[in-house]
Amino acid sequence: MKMLSVIVLFFALMACESENAAPQEKTLVGKWEWVLSTGGIAGMTIKASENNRKQLLFTTDGDFEMFENGKSKIKTKYQIKDGKSITSTELVPMIYFLPDSTYWHQSYQLKGDSLFLFDEVYDGFGHTYVRTK
């Protein structure tokens, strides 16, 4: 009986540990360099080049900034929440850009040092970024 209690306690502690894991937004924080975008009605692929560069910056304070060719283009706030995607029946991690988060939001996935953003519109694009130092 003691052994069963120890096993149950072990799994209960493991469950608590996973609940306290860092939220997705903490891993999203940092600088990201654009690699390519694919999609649209024509199924295009657009790659980064010397004259076509984009960077994203996400801070721990909820600030977001997008740069194109080294120049700041967008500065706003963001929030991370699970939301309904047009490509899934289940809730997925979403980035809501404020103040009008109903207009501009994207679902995302993180895999290692890669960030995949997905426009939540039909015929939208998928965007690939890599983390920079």
Protein backbone atom coordinates (compact mmCIF):
# COMPACT_ATOMS: atom_id res chain seq x y z
CA MET A 1 0.00 0.00 0.00
CA LYS A 2 2.90 2.36 0.77
CA MET A 3 4.36 1.69 -2.65
CA LEU A 4 1.05 2.61 -4.33
CA SER A 5 0.95 5.86 -2.31
CA VAL A 6 4.50 6.72 -3.42
CA ILE A 7 3.63 6.09 -7.08
CA VAL A 8 0.46 8.22 -6.87
CA LEU A 9 2.43 11.01 -5.14
CA PHE A 10 5.13 10.85 -7.83
CA PHE A 11 2.60 11.29 -10.67
CA ALA A 12 0.80 14.06 -8.78
CA LEU A 13 4.08 15.96 -8.40
CA MET A 14 4.92 15.44 -12.07
CA ALA A 15 1.53 16.87 -13.05
CA CYS A 16 2.13 19.96 -10.91
CA GLU A 17 5.56 20.42 -12.45
CA SER A 18 4.18 20.41 -16.01
CA GLU A 19 1.50 22.96 -15.04
CA ASN A 20 4.23 25.32 -13.85
CA ALA A 21 6.20 25.02 -17.09
CA ALA A 22 7.09 28.26 -18.86
CA PRO A 23 4.24 29.55 -21.02
CA GLN A 24 4.68 29.60 -24.79
CA GLU A 25 5.13 33.37 -24.84
CA LYS A 26 8.39 33.11 -22.88
CA THR A 27 9.89 31.03 -25.67
CA LEU A 28 8.45 33.42 -28.25
CA VAL A 29 10.32 36.33 -26.65
CA GLY A 30 13.37 37.43 -28.61
CA LYS A 31 14.46 38.39 -32.11
CA TRP A 32 13.43 36.46 -35.19
CA GLU A 33 14.76 36.66 -38.77
CA TRP A 34 12.41 35.92 -41.65
CA VAL A 35 13.36 33.02 -43.94
CA LEU A 36 10.37 32.58 -46.27
CA SER A 37 6.61 32.78 -46.68
CA THR A 38 4.42 30.39 -48.64
CA GLY A 39 0.75 30.44 -49.56
CA GLY A 40 -1.75 32.83 -51.03
CA ILE A 41 -4.27 32.04 -53.71
CA ALA A 42 -1.45 31.21 -56.17
CA GLY A 43 0.59 29.11 -53.73
CA MET A 44 3.59 31.43 -53.97
CA THR A 45 6.90 31.13 -52.14
CA ILE A 46 8.66 34.36 -51.20
CA LYS A 47 12.18 34.07 -49.81
CA ALA A 48 14.24 36.54 -47.86
CA SER A 49 16.97 38.27 -49.83
CA GLU A 50 19.49 41.06 -49.31
CA ASN A 51 16.86 43.61 -50.39
CA ASN A 52 13.90 41.88 -48.75
CA ARG A 53 14.57 41.24 -45.05
CA LYS A 54 12.17 41.17 -42.11
CA GLN A 55 12.80 40.84 -38.39
CA LEU A 56 10.37 40.43 -35.51
CA LEU A 57 10.97 41.41 -31.90
CA PHE A 58 8.81 40.09 -29.05
CA THR A 59 9.56 41.35 -25.51
CA THR A 60 8.59 39.99 -22.10
CA ASP A 61 6.56 43.19 -21.54
CA GLY A 62 4.22 42.35 -24.42
CA ASP A 63 5.81 44.75 -26.92
CA PHE A 64 6.06 43.74 -30.57
CA GLU A 65 8.04 45.39 -33.34
CA MET A 66 8.47 44.41 -36.99
CA PHE A 67 11.38 45.67 -39.07
CA GLU A 68 11.70 45.63 -42.85
CA ASN A 69 15.20 46.09 -44.23
CA GLY A 70 16.32 47.45 -40.86
CA LYS A 71 13.53 50.05 -40.55
CA SER A 72 10.78 49.83 -37.96
CA LYS A 73 7.42 49.29 -39.72
CA ILE A 74 5.06 48.21 -36.94
CA LYS A 75 5.14 48.81 -33.18
CA THR A 76 2.30 47.47 -31.05
CA LYS A 77 1.43 45.24 -28.11
CA TYR A 78 0.69 41.52 -28.26
CA GLN A 79 -0.93 38.82 -26.14
CA ILE A 80 -0.62 35.05 -26.28
CA LYS A 81 -3.80 33.03 -25.80
CA ASP A 82 -5.21 29.78 -27.06
CA GLY A 83 -7.77 30.50 -29.75
CA LYS A 84 -9.84 29.00 -32.50
CA SER A 85 -7.96 28.49 -35.75
CA ILE A 86 -9.46 28.23 -39.22
CA THR A 87 -7.37 25.08 -39.74
CA SER A 88 -8.17 23.15 -36.54
CA THR A 89 -11.14 22.11 -34.46
CA GLU A 90 -9.05 22.42 -31.30
CA LEU A 91 -7.71 25.54 -29.65
CA VAL A 92 -4.17 26.46 -30.73
CA PRO A 93 -1.60 29.01 -29.48
CA MET A 94 -2.37 32.39 -31.03
CA ILE A 95 -0.65 35.77 -31.07
CA TYR A 96 -3.17 38.60 -30.78
CA PHE A 97 -1.81 41.98 -31.86
CA LEU A 98 -3.45 44.87 -30.04
CA PRO A 99 -5.43 47.06 -29.93
CA ASP A 100 -7.59 45.42 -32.64
CA SER A 101 -6.87 41.74 -31.99
CA THR A 102 -10.03 40.68 -33.81
CA TYR A 103 -8.49 41.92 -37.06
CA TRP A 104 -4.87 40.85 -36.73
CA HIS A 105 -3.93 37.57 -35.12
CA GLN A 106 -1.84 34.58 -36.13
CA SER A 107 -1.51 31.03 -34.93
CA TYR A 108 2.02 29.83 -34.34
CA GLN A 109 4.29 26.88 -33.64
CA LEU A 110 7.75 26.80 -32.16
CA LYS A 111 10.16 24.03 -33.12
CA GLY A 112 13.68 24.45 -31.78
CA ASP A 113 14.96 27.80 -33.04
CA SER A 114 12.24 28.08 -35.71
CA LEU A 115 9.01 30.05 -35.49
CA PHE A 116 6.13 29.26 -37.83
CA LEU A 117 3.41 31.91 -38.10
CA PHE A 118 0.13 31.25 -39.90
CA ASP A 119 -2.23 33.94 -41.13
CA GLU A 120 -5.70 33.15 -39.81
CA VAL A 121 -7.41 33.99 -43.10
CA TYR A 122 -8.29 31.82 -46.07
CA ASP A 123 -5.58 31.95 -48.76
CA GLY A 124 -3.24 33.39 -46.14
CA PHE A 125 0.46 32.74 -45.84
CA GLY A 126 2.63 30.64 -43.58
CA HIS A 127 5.79 32.43 -42.49
CA THR A 128 9.04 30.84 -41.29
CA TYR A 129 11.47 32.68 -38.98
CA VAL A 130 14.64 31.63 -37.17
CA ARG A 131 15.76 32.92 -33.79
CA THR A 132 18.69 35.34 -33.82
CA LYS A 133 21.04 36.26 -31.02
